[in-house]
Amino acid sequence: MDGRDGMRAADSDRTAVADRLRVALDEGRLDLHEYDERLQRAYAARTYADLEALLTDLPPVTPAQRSGLAPVAGPTVSLPGDQLDPAFSRGVTARWLAEVWSPYLWVIPIVVTIWAVTSVLSQDLLYFWPAWVAGPWGAVLVVRTASGLATKEPQRQAVKRQRRRDRKQAERALKPDDDAPTS
């Protein structure tokens, strides 16, 4: 037994092992149950030997620049002042536009259908009242879209969304399992 194996592990060592286990889960090397079990053992580990035992059957992480495989992770979100990848920025903008316009594009066909059905049932062409729903709402959405694109609102929302995801992931990693027996 190596002298290091018996040494006490620090919180940063446990976190590094937890990150490596998450990567293994993302790569499909561990199933969710095994990941959860190993993660619990990682945060309960006292020594380096306890931590190393959790990684013995996993291959070492190869830096992306030396790997022959393409990285699995998608583009990362940078801070508001940073320059975003143009392709990623287009995807973020498209998603934001879909979120802004989606309710409009669902509701307007419904109200037009209601108008059409009532016109057919009354056997008379009724006043086109859906224009009072579509017109003002559409004008508000055009202004919101123009101002949002001018102020880079899609990128800001993407950064907030990524920070929220990171925070939730960190909380999940630190949260003790409620089903674990206490001693």
N, C-alpha and C. Protein backbone atom coordinates (compact mmCIF):
# COMPACT_ATOMS: atom_id res chain seq x y z
N MET A 1 0.86 -1.19 0.00
CA MET A 1 0.00 0.00 0.00
C MET A 1 0.89 1.23 0.00
N ASP A 2 0.63 2.10 -0.91
CA ASP A 2 1.34 3.36 -1.08
C ASP A 2 1.03 4.25 0.11
N GLY A 3 1.99 5.07 0.54
CA GLY A 3 1.82 5.96 1.67
C GLY A 3 0.70 6.97 1.45
N ARG A 4 0.47 7.34 0.21
CA ARG A 4 -0.57 8.31 -0.14
C ARG A 4 -1.96 7.71 0.04
N ASP A 5 -2.10 6.41 -0.20
CA ASP A 5 -3.41 5.77 -0.12
C ASP A 5 -4.05 5.91 1.25
N GLY A 6 -3.26 5.91 2.28
CA GLY A 6 -3.80 6.01 3.63
C GLY A 6 -4.04 7.43 4.09
N MET A 7 -3.62 8.41 3.28
CA MET A 7 -3.79 9.83 3.67
C MET A 7 -5.24 10.24 3.52
N ARG A 8 -5.64 11.18 4.34
CA ARG A 8 -7.01 11.72 4.29
C ARG A 8 -7.24 12.53 3.01
N ALA A 9 -8.39 12.36 2.42
CA ALA A 9 -8.77 13.10 1.21
C ALA A 9 -9.44 14.41 1.61
N ALA A 10 -9.27 15.41 0.79
CA ALA A 10 -9.90 16.72 1.03
C ALA A 10 -11.21 16.83 0.25
N ASP A 11 -11.99 17.85 0.56
CA ASP A 11 -13.24 18.09 -0.16
C ASP A 11 -12.99 18.29 -1.65
N SER A 12 -11.89 18.98 -1.98
CA SER A 12 -11.60 19.21 -3.39
C SER A 12 -11.29 17.88 -4.10
N ASP A 13 -10.68 16.91 -3.41
CA ASP A 13 -10.43 15.60 -4.00
C ASP A 13 -11.75 14.86 -4.24
N ARG A 14 -12.66 14.94 -3.30
CA ARG A 14 -13.97 14.30 -3.46
C ARG A 14 -14.72 14.93 -4.62
N THR A 15 -14.65 16.25 -4.74
CA THR A 15 -15.32 16.94 -5.83
C THR A 15 -14.72 16.55 -7.18
N ALA A 16 -13.40 16.40 -7.25
CA ALA A 16 -12.75 16.00 -8.50
C ALA A 16 -13.21 14.61 -8.91
N VAL A 17 -13.33 13.70 -7.96
CA VAL A 17 -13.80 12.35 -8.27
C VAL A 17 -15.27 12.40 -8.71
N ALA A 18 -16.07 13.23 -8.04
CA ALA A 18 -17.48 13.37 -8.42
C ALA A 18 -17.59 13.91 -9.84
N ASP A 19 -16.74 14.86 -10.21
CA ASP A 19 -16.75 15.38 -11.58
C ASP A 19 -16.37 14.29 -12.58
N ARG A 20 -15.37 13.48 -12.24
CA ARG A 20 -14.96 12.38 -13.13
C ARG A 20 -16.07 11.35 -13.28
N LEU A 21 -16.79 11.08 -12.20
CA LEU A 21 -17.93 10.15 -12.28
C LEU A 21 -19.04 10.72 -13.16
N ARG A 22 -19.27 12.05 -13.05
CA ARG A 22 -20.29 12.68 -13.90
C ARG A 22 -19.91 12.56 -15.37
N VAL A 23 -18.63 12.74 -15.68
CA VAL A 23 -18.16 12.59 -17.06
C VAL A 23 -18.39 11.15 -17.53
N ALA A 24 -18.11 10.19 -16.66
CA ALA A 24 -18.32 8.78 -17.01
C ALA A 24 -19.80 8.51 -17.26
N LEU A 25 -20.67 9.13 -16.47
CA LEU A 25 -22.11 8.99 -16.69
C LEU A 25 -22.50 9.59 -18.03
N ASP A 26 -21.99 10.78 -18.33
CA ASP A 26 -22.30 11.45 -19.60
C ASP A 26 -21.80 10.65 -20.80
N GLU A 27 -20.67 9.96 -20.62
CA GLU A 27 -20.11 9.15 -21.70
C GLU A 27 -20.82 7.80 -21.84
N GLY A 28 -21.66 7.45 -20.89
CA GLY A 28 -22.37 6.18 -20.95
C GLY A 28 -21.60 5.03 -20.32
N ARG A 29 -20.55 5.32 -19.60
CA ARG A 29 -19.74 4.28 -18.96
C ARG A 29 -20.38 3.78 -17.67
N LEU A 30 -21.21 4.61 -17.05
CA LEU A 30 -21.93 4.24 -15.84
C LEU A 30 -23.42 4.45 -16.08
N ASP A 31 -24.24 3.56 -15.48
CA ASP A 31 -25.67 3.83 -15.53
C ASP A 31 -26.02 4.73 -14.33
N LEU A 32 -27.22 5.23 -14.31
CA LEU A 32 -27.60 6.21 -13.30
C LEU A 32 -27.52 5.63 -11.88
N HIS A 33 -27.93 4.40 -11.73
CA HIS A 33 -27.90 3.77 -10.40
C HIS A 33 -26.46 3.64 -9.90
N GLU A 34 -25.57 3.15 -10.77
CA GLU A 34 -24.17 2.98 -10.37
C GLU A 34 -23.52 4.33 -10.11
N TYR A 35 -23.85 5.33 -10.92
CA TYR A 35 -23.33 6.68 -10.71
C TYR A 35 -23.74 7.19 -9.32
N ASP A 36 -25.03 7.05 -9.00
CA ASP A 36 -25.53 7.53 -7.71
C ASP A 36 -24.82 6.81 -6.56
N GLU A 37 -24.67 5.50 -6.69
CA GLU A 37 -24.00 4.72 -5.64
C GLU A 37 -22.54 5.18 -5.46
N ARG A 38 -21.83 5.35 -6.57
CA ARG A 38 -20.42 5.77 -6.49
C ARG A 38 -20.30 7.20 -5.98
N LEU A 39 -21.24 8.04 -6.36
CA LEU A 39 -21.21 9.43 -5.90
C LEU A 39 -21.37 9.49 -4.37
N GLN A 40 -22.28 8.70 -3.84
CA GLN A 40 -22.46 8.64 -2.39
C GLN A 40 -21.17 8.17 -1.71
N ARG A 41 -20.56 7.15 -2.29
CA ARG A 41 -19.32 6.63 -1.71
C ARG A 41 -18.20 7.66 -1.83
N ALA A 42 -18.20 8.44 -2.91
CA ALA A 42 -17.15 9.46 -3.09
C ALA A 42 -17.24 10.52 -2.00
N TYR A 43 -18.45 10.99 -1.71
CA TYR A 43 -18.59 12.02 -0.68
C TYR A 43 -18.43 11.46 0.74
N ALA A 44 -18.53 10.14 0.88
CA ALA A 44 -18.32 9.52 2.18
C ALA A 44 -16.87 9.06 2.35
N ALA A 45 -16.06 9.12 1.30
CA ALA A 45 -14.68 8.62 1.34
C ALA A 45 -13.85 9.41 2.33
N ARG A 46 -12.94 8.68 2.99
CA ARG A 46 -12.06 9.33 3.95
C ARG A 46 -10.63 9.43 3.43
N THR A 47 -10.20 8.44 2.64
CA THR A 47 -8.81 8.40 2.19
C THR A 47 -8.72 8.41 0.67
N TYR A 48 -7.50 8.64 0.19
CA TYR A 48 -7.26 8.59 -1.25
C TYR A 48 -7.57 7.20 -1.80
N ALA A 49 -7.28 6.16 -1.04
CA ALA A 49 -7.55 4.79 -1.50
C ALA A 49 -9.05 4.59 -1.72
N ASP A 50 -9.88 5.16 -0.83
CA ASP A 50 -11.33 5.05 -0.99
C ASP A 50 -11.77 5.71 -2.30
N LEU A 51 -11.19 6.85 -2.62
CA LEU A 51 -11.54 7.56 -3.84
C LEU A 51 -11.04 6.84 -5.09
N GLU A 52 -9.81 6.35 -5.04
CA GLU A 52 -9.24 5.69 -6.21
C GLU A 52 -9.98 4.40 -6.54
N ALA A 53 -10.53 3.73 -5.54
CA ALA A 53 -11.29 2.51 -5.77
C ALA A 53 -12.53 2.77 -6.63
N LEU A 54 -13.05 3.98 -6.59
CA LEU A 54 -14.24 4.34 -7.36
C LEU A 54 -13.95 4.55 -8.84
N LEU A 55 -12.65 4.75 -9.16
CA LEU A 55 -12.28 5.08 -10.55
C LEU A 55 -11.46 4.00 -11.23
N THR A 56 -11.19 2.88 -10.55
CA THR A 56 -10.26 1.88 -11.10
C THR A 56 -10.72 1.29 -12.42
N ASP A 57 -12.03 1.09 -12.62
CA ASP A 57 -12.51 0.49 -13.86
C ASP A 57 -12.87 1.51 -14.93
N LEU A 58 -12.57 2.79 -14.69
CA LEU A 58 -12.85 3.84 -15.66
C LEU A 58 -11.55 4.27 -16.33
N PRO A 59 -11.58 4.50 -17.66
CA PRO A 59 -10.36 4.95 -18.32
C PRO A 59 -10.02 6.37 -17.90
N PRO A 60 -8.73 6.72 -17.97
CA PRO A 60 -8.35 8.09 -17.60
C PRO A 60 -8.92 9.09 -18.61
N VAL A 61 -9.08 10.30 -18.15
CA VAL A 61 -9.61 11.36 -19.01
C VAL A 61 -8.48 11.85 -19.90
N THR A 62 -8.73 11.87 -21.23
CA THR A 62 -7.75 12.36 -22.18
C THR A 62 -8.09 13.81 -22.51
N PRO A 63 -7.13 14.72 -22.42
CA PRO A 63 -7.43 16.10 -22.79
C PRO A 63 -7.94 16.18 -24.24
N ALA A 64 -8.88 17.07 -24.48
CA ALA A 64 -9.53 17.16 -25.79
C ALA A 64 -8.53 17.40 -26.92
N GLN A 65 -7.45 18.17 -26.65
CA GLN A 65 -6.50 18.47 -27.72
C GLN A 65 -5.70 17.23 -28.13
N ARG A 66 -5.56 16.22 -27.23
CA ARG A 66 -4.82 15.02 -27.57
C ARG A 66 -5.74 13.87 -27.99
N SER A 67 -7.01 14.02 -27.80
CA SER A 67 -7.96 12.96 -28.10
C SER A 67 -8.19 12.87 -29.61
N GLY A 68 -8.39 11.65 -30.09
CA GLY A 68 -8.71 11.44 -31.49
C GLY A 68 -10.20 11.56 -31.73
N LEU A 69 -10.97 11.64 -30.66
CA LEU A 69 -12.42 11.72 -30.78
C LEU A 69 -12.87 13.16 -30.63
N ALA A 70 -14.01 13.46 -31.22
CA ALA A 70 -14.59 14.80 -31.07
C ALA A 70 -15.16 14.93 -29.68
N PRO A 71 -15.05 16.10 -29.06
CA PRO A 71 -15.62 16.27 -27.72
C PRO A 71 -17.13 16.11 -27.75
N VAL A 72 -17.68 15.51 -26.69
CA VAL A 72 -19.10 15.26 -26.59
C VAL A 72 -19.86 16.50 -26.20
N ALA A 73 -19.25 17.32 -25.35
CA ALA A 73 -19.94 18.50 -24.82
C ALA A 73 -20.23 19.49 -25.93
N GLY A 74 -21.38 20.13 -25.82
CA GLY A 74 -21.76 21.15 -26.79
C GLY A 74 -21.06 22.45 -26.49
N PRO A 75 -21.42 23.50 -27.19
CA PRO A 75 -20.79 24.79 -26.95
C PRO A 75 -21.12 25.30 -25.56
N THR A 76 -20.20 26.03 -24.99
CA THR A 76 -20.41 26.57 -23.66
C THR A 76 -20.91 27.99 -23.76
N VAL A 77 -21.59 28.41 -22.74
CA VAL A 77 -22.11 29.78 -22.69
C VAL A 77 -21.08 30.62 -21.97
N SER A 78 -20.70 31.74 -22.57
CA SER A 78 -19.73 32.61 -21.94
C SER A 78 -20.46 33.75 -21.24
N LEU A 79 -19.71 34.53 -20.52
CA LEU A 79 -20.29 35.65 -19.81
C LEU A 79 -20.73 36.73 -20.79
N PRO A 80 -21.63 37.64 -20.36
CA PRO A 80 -22.19 38.62 -21.28
C PRO A 80 -21.16 39.44 -22.05
N GLY A 81 -20.04 39.74 -21.49
CA GLY A 81 -19.04 40.54 -22.19
C GLY A 81 -18.23 39.75 -23.20
N ASP A 82 -18.24 38.42 -23.08
CA ASP A 82 -17.45 37.58 -23.97
C ASP A 82 -18.10 37.46 -25.34
N GLN A 83 -17.30 37.06 -26.31
CA GLN A 83 -17.77 36.86 -27.66
C GLN A 83 -18.34 35.45 -27.77
N LEU A 84 -19.56 35.29 -28.25
CA LEU A 84 -20.17 33.98 -28.41
C LEU A 84 -19.87 33.44 -29.80
N ASP A 85 -19.80 32.11 -29.90
CA ASP A 85 -19.64 31.44 -31.17
C ASP A 85 -20.85 31.80 -32.05
N PRO A 86 -20.64 32.22 -33.32
CA PRO A 86 -21.77 32.66 -34.15
C PRO A 86 -22.83 31.57 -34.33
N ALA A 87 -22.42 30.32 -34.52
CA ALA A 87 -23.40 29.24 -34.71
C ALA A 87 -24.22 29.05 -33.44
N PHE A 88 -23.56 29.10 -32.29
CA PHE A 88 -24.25 28.96 -31.01
C PHE A 88 -25.19 30.13 -30.80
N SER A 89 -24.73 31.33 -31.14
CA SER A 89 -25.54 32.53 -30.98
C SER A 89 -26.82 32.44 -31.82
N ARG A 90 -26.71 31.91 -33.04
CA ARG A 90 -27.90 31.75 -33.88
C ARG A 90 -28.90 30.78 -33.23
N GLY A 91 -28.39 29.70 -32.65
CA GLY A 91 -29.26 28.73 -31.99
C GLY A 91 -29.96 29.34 -30.79
N VAL A 92 -29.23 30.13 -30.02
CA VAL A 92 -29.81 30.80 -28.85
C VAL A 92 -30.87 31.80 -29.30
N THR A 93 -30.57 32.54 -30.36
CA THR A 93 -31.53 33.52 -30.87
C THR A 93 -32.78 32.83 -31.40
N ALA A 94 -32.60 31.73 -32.12
CA ALA A 94 -33.76 31.00 -32.65
C ALA A 94 -34.64 30.47 -31.51
N ARG A 95 -34.01 29.97 -30.47
CA ARG A 95 -34.77 29.46 -29.33
C ARG A 95 -35.55 30.59 -28.65
N TRP A 96 -34.89 31.73 -28.47
CA TRP A 96 -35.55 32.87 -27.84
C TRP A 96 -36.74 33.34 -28.69
N LEU A 97 -36.54 33.44 -30.00
CA LEU A 97 -37.64 33.85 -30.88
C LEU A 97 -38.81 32.87 -30.80
N ALA A 98 -38.50 31.58 -30.74
CA ALA A 98 -39.57 30.58 -30.61
C ALA A 98 -40.32 30.75 -29.30
N GLU A 99 -39.60 31.05 -28.21
CA GLU A 99 -40.25 31.26 -26.92
C GLU A 99 -41.15 32.50 -26.94
N VAL A 100 -40.69 33.55 -27.62
CA VAL A 100 -41.46 34.80 -27.66
C VAL A 100 -42.70 34.66 -28.54
N TRP A 101 -42.55 34.05 -29.72
CA TRP A 101 -43.63 34.01 -30.70
C TRP A 101 -44.52 32.77 -30.60
N SER A 102 -44.11 31.74 -29.90
CA SER A 102 -44.86 30.50 -29.85
C SER A 102 -46.31 30.67 -29.37
N PRO A 103 -46.56 31.36 -28.28
CA PRO A 103 -47.96 31.51 -27.85
C PRO A 103 -48.83 32.20 -28.91
N TYR A 104 -48.28 33.21 -29.54
CA TYR A 104 -49.00 33.94 -30.59
C TYR A 104 -49.36 33.00 -31.74
N LEU A 105 -48.38 32.18 -32.14
CA LEU A 105 -48.59 31.29 -33.28
C LEU A 105 -49.52 30.13 -32.95
N TRP A 106 -49.80 29.90 -31.68
CA TRP A 106 -50.79 28.90 -31.30
C TRP A 106 -52.18 29.52 -31.14
N VAL A 107 -52.25 30.71 -30.56
CA VAL A 107 -53.55 31.31 -30.23
C VAL A 107 -54.25 31.87 -31.47
N ILE A 108 -53.52 32.53 -32.34
CA ILE A 108 -54.15 33.17 -33.50
C ILE A 108 -54.89 32.16 -34.39
N PRO A 109 -54.29 31.02 -34.75
CA PRO A 109 -55.08 30.04 -35.53
C PRO A 109 -56.33 29.56 -34.79
N ILE A 110 -56.28 29.49 -33.48
CA ILE A 110 -57.45 29.06 -32.72
C ILE A 110 -58.57 30.09 -32.83
N VAL A 111 -58.24 31.37 -32.63
CA VAL A 111 -59.31 32.39 -32.70
C VAL A 111 -59.82 32.55 -34.13
N VAL A 112 -58.96 32.38 -35.12
CA VAL A 112 -59.44 32.45 -36.52
C VAL A 112 -60.36 31.26 -36.81
N THR A 113 -60.02 30.10 -36.28
CA THR A 113 -60.88 28.92 -36.46
C THR A 113 -62.23 29.14 -35.78
N ILE A 114 -62.22 29.71 -34.59
CA ILE A 114 -63.50 30.01 -33.91
C ILE A 114 -64.32 30.97 -34.75
N TRP A 115 -63.69 32.01 -35.28
CA TRP A 115 -64.41 32.97 -36.14
C TRP A 115 -64.97 32.26 -37.36
N ALA A 116 -64.16 31.40 -38.01
CA ALA A 116 -64.61 30.70 -39.22
C ALA A 116 -65.78 29.76 -38.92
N VAL A 117 -65.70 29.03 -37.82
CA VAL A 117 -66.78 28.11 -37.48
C VAL A 117 -68.06 28.88 -37.17
N THR A 118 -67.96 29.97 -36.42
CA THR A 118 -69.16 30.75 -36.11
C THR A 118 -69.74 31.39 -37.38
N SER A 119 -68.88 31.78 -38.31
CA SER A 119 -69.37 32.34 -39.58
C SER A 119 -70.10 31.27 -40.39
N VAL A 120 -69.56 30.07 -40.43
CA VAL A 120 -70.20 28.98 -41.17
C VAL A 120 -71.52 28.60 -40.52
N LEU A 121 -71.53 28.49 -39.21
CA LEU A 121 -72.75 28.10 -38.51
C LEU A 121 -73.84 29.17 -38.62
N SER A 122 -73.46 30.43 -38.67
CA SER A 122 -74.46 31.49 -38.81
C SER A 122 -74.85 31.71 -40.27
N GLN A 123 -74.17 31.05 -41.18
CA GLN A 123 -74.39 31.17 -42.62
C GLN A 123 -74.28 32.60 -43.11
N ASP A 124 -73.37 33.33 -42.44
CA ASP A 124 -73.12 34.71 -42.81
C ASP A 124 -71.65 35.01 -42.47
N LEU A 125 -71.02 35.84 -43.28
CA LEU A 125 -69.63 36.22 -43.02
C LEU A 125 -69.63 37.28 -41.92
N LEU A 126 -69.21 36.88 -40.72
CA LEU A 126 -69.21 37.77 -39.56
C LEU A 126 -68.03 38.73 -39.63
N TYR A 127 -68.14 39.77 -38.81
CA TYR A 127 -67.06 40.74 -38.67
C TYR A 127 -65.80 40.01 -38.23
N PHE A 128 -64.64 40.31 -38.84
CA PHE A 128 -63.39 39.61 -38.54
C PHE A 128 -62.78 40.16 -37.25
N TRP A 129 -63.34 39.74 -36.13
CA TRP A 129 -62.87 40.18 -34.82
C TRP A 129 -61.49 39.65 -34.43
N PRO A 130 -60.97 38.52 -34.97
CA PRO A 130 -59.63 38.08 -34.59
C PRO A 130 -58.54 39.11 -34.89
N ALA A 131 -58.83 40.07 -35.77
CA ALA A 131 -57.85 41.11 -36.05
C ALA A 131 -57.56 41.92 -34.78
N TRP A 132 -58.55 42.03 -33.87
CA TRP A 132 -58.36 42.78 -32.64
C TRP A 132 -57.49 42.01 -31.63
N VAL A 133 -57.34 40.72 -31.85
CA VAL A 133 -56.44 39.93 -31.02
C VAL A 133 -55.06 39.91 -31.68
N ALA A 134 -55.03 39.60 -32.96
CA ALA A 134 -53.76 39.41 -33.67
C ALA A 134 -53.01 40.73 -33.87
N GLY A 135 -53.69 41.80 -34.20
CA GLY A 135 -53.03 43.07 -34.50
C GLY A 135 -52.24 43.66 -33.35
N PRO A 136 -52.90 44.02 -32.24
CA PRO A 136 -52.16 44.63 -31.12
C PRO A 136 -51.10 43.69 -30.53
N TRP A 137 -51.48 42.42 -30.37
CA TRP A 137 -50.53 41.46 -29.80
C TRP A 137 -49.32 41.30 -30.72
N GLY A 138 -49.56 41.23 -32.02
CA GLY A 138 -48.47 41.12 -32.99
C GLY A 138 -47.57 42.34 -32.96
N ALA A 139 -48.17 43.53 -32.83
CA ALA A 139 -47.37 44.76 -32.77
C ALA A 139 -46.48 44.77 -31.53
N VAL A 140 -47.02 44.33 -30.40
CA VAL A 140 -46.22 44.26 -29.16
C VAL A 140 -45.07 43.28 -29.34
N LEU A 141 -45.35 42.15 -29.98
CA LEU A 141 -44.29 41.15 -30.19
C LEU A 141 -43.21 41.65 -31.15
N VAL A 142 -43.59 42.41 -32.16
CA VAL A 142 -42.59 42.97 -33.08
C VAL A 142 -41.67 43.93 -32.34
N VAL A 143 -42.25 44.78 -31.50
CA VAL A 143 -41.44 45.72 -30.72
C VAL A 143 -40.55 44.95 -29.75
N ARG A 144 -41.10 43.93 -29.07
CA ARG A 144 -40.31 43.15 -28.11
C ARG A 144 -39.17 42.42 -28.83
N THR A 145 -39.45 41.88 -30.01
CA THR A 145 -38.42 41.18 -30.77
C THR A 145 -37.30 42.13 -31.18
N ALA A 146 -37.67 43.28 -31.72
CA ALA A 146 -36.66 44.25 -32.15
C ALA A 146 -35.81 44.73 -30.98
N SER A 147 -36.46 45.07 -29.88
CA SER A 147 -35.69 45.56 -28.73
C SER A 147 -34.86 44.44 -28.10
N GLY A 148 -35.40 43.24 -28.06
CA GLY A 148 -34.66 42.10 -27.50
C GLY A 148 -33.43 41.76 -28.31
N LEU A 149 -33.55 41.79 -29.63
CA LEU A 149 -32.40 41.50 -30.48
C LEU A 149 -31.36 42.62 -30.40
N ALA A 150 -31.83 43.86 -30.28
CA ALA A 150 -30.90 44.99 -30.19
C ALA A 150 -30.11 44.97 -28.87
N THR A 151 -30.74 44.50 -27.80
CA THR A 151 -30.06 44.48 -26.49
C THR A 151 -29.45 43.12 -26.16
N LYS A 152 -29.43 42.20 -27.14
CA LYS A 152 -28.86 40.86 -26.96
C LYS A 152 -29.52 40.08 -25.82
N GLU A 153 -30.84 40.21 -25.73
CA GLU A 153 -31.61 39.50 -24.71
C GLU A 153 -31.47 37.97 -24.83
N PRO A 154 -31.44 37.40 -26.05
CA PRO A 154 -31.30 35.94 -26.12
C PRO A 154 -30.01 35.43 -25.47
N GLN A 155 -28.91 36.13 -25.66
CA GLN A 155 -27.64 35.71 -25.08
C GLN A 155 -27.66 35.84 -23.56
N ARG A 156 -28.26 36.92 -23.06
CA ARG A 156 -28.35 37.11 -21.61
C ARG A 156 -29.18 36.00 -20.97
N GLN A 157 -30.29 35.63 -21.62
CA GLN A 157 -31.13 34.56 -21.09
C GLN A 157 -30.39 33.23 -21.13
N ALA A 158 -29.60 33.00 -22.18
CA ALA A 158 -28.83 31.75 -22.27
C ALA A 158 -27.81 31.67 -21.15
N VAL A 159 -27.16 32.77 -20.83
CA VAL A 159 -26.19 32.79 -19.74
C VAL A 159 -26.90 32.52 -18.41
N LYS A 160 -28.05 33.16 -18.17
CA LYS A 160 -28.81 32.93 -16.93
C LYS A 160 -29.24 31.47 -16.84
N ARG A 161 -29.73 30.92 -17.96
CA ARG A 161 -30.19 29.54 -17.98
C ARG A 161 -29.04 28.59 -17.65
N GLN A 162 -27.86 28.85 -18.22
CA GLN A 162 -26.69 28.00 -17.96
C GLN A 162 -26.26 28.10 -16.50
N ARG A 163 -26.27 29.31 -15.95
CA ARG A 163 -25.90 29.48 -14.54
C ARG A 163 -26.87 28.74 -13.62
N ARG A 164 -28.17 28.80 -13.96
CA ARG A 164 -29.18 28.09 -13.18
C ARG A 164 -28.94 26.58 -13.24
N ARG A 165 -28.65 26.06 -14.45
CA ARG A 165 -28.35 24.64 -14.61
C ARG A 165 -27.13 24.24 -13.79
N ASP A 166 -26.07 25.04 -13.86
CA ASP A 166 -24.85 24.75 -13.11
C ASP A 166 -25.12 24.75 -11.60
N ARG A 167 -25.90 25.73 -11.15
CA ARG A 167 -26.21 25.81 -9.73
C ARG A 167 -27.02 24.59 -9.27
N LYS A 168 -28.02 24.19 -10.06
CA LYS A 168 -28.83 23.02 -9.70
C LYS A 168 -27.98 21.76 -9.68
N GLN A 169 -27.09 21.64 -10.65
CA GLN A 169 -26.22 20.47 -10.71
C GLN A 169 -25.30 20.42 -9.49
N ALA A 170 -24.77 21.56 -9.10
CA ALA A 170 -23.92 21.61 -7.91
C ALA A 170 -24.71 21.27 -6.65
N GLU A 171 -25.94 21.76 -6.56
CA GLU A 171 -26.78 21.45 -5.40
C GLU A 171 -27.10 19.97 -5.34
N ARG A 172 -27.39 19.35 -6.52
CA ARG A 172 -27.68 17.92 -6.55
C ARG A 172 -26.47 17.11 -6.11
N ALA A 173 -25.28 17.55 -6.50
CA ALA A 173 -24.07 16.82 -6.15
C ALA A 173 -23.79 16.91 -4.66
N LEU A 174 -24.16 18.01 -4.03
CA LEU A 174 -23.90 18.20 -2.61
C LEU A 174 -25.01 17.71 -1.70
N LYS A 175 -26.20 17.47 -2.28
CA LYS A 175 -27.35 17.06 -1.49
C LYS A 175 -27.18 15.63 -1.01
N PRO A 176 -27.29 15.38 0.31
CA PRO A 176 -27.18 14.01 0.81
C PRO A 176 -28.40 13.21 0.40
N ASP A 177 -28.21 11.93 0.18
CA ASP A 177 -29.31 11.05 -0.22
C ASP A 177 -30.21 10.82 0.98
N ASP A 178 -31.51 11.02 0.82
CA ASP A 178 -32.47 10.85 1.91
C ASP A 178 -32.68 9.39 2.25
N ASP A 179 -32.42 8.47 1.30
CA ASP A 179 -32.65 7.05 1.51
C ASP A 179 -31.47 6.37 2.17
N ALA A 180 -30.33 7.04 2.27
CA ALA A 180 -29.14 6.42 2.83
C ALA A 180 -29.31 6.21 4.33
N PRO A 181 -28.89 5.03 4.82
CA PRO A 181 -29.01 4.79 6.27
C PRO A 181 -28.04 5.67 7.04
N THR A 182 -28.49 6.16 8.16
CA THR A 182 -27.64 7.00 9.00
C THR A 182 -27.04 6.16 10.09
N SER A 183 -25.78 6.46 10.44
CA SER A 183 -25.15 5.68 11.51
C SER A 183 -24.64 6.57 12.60
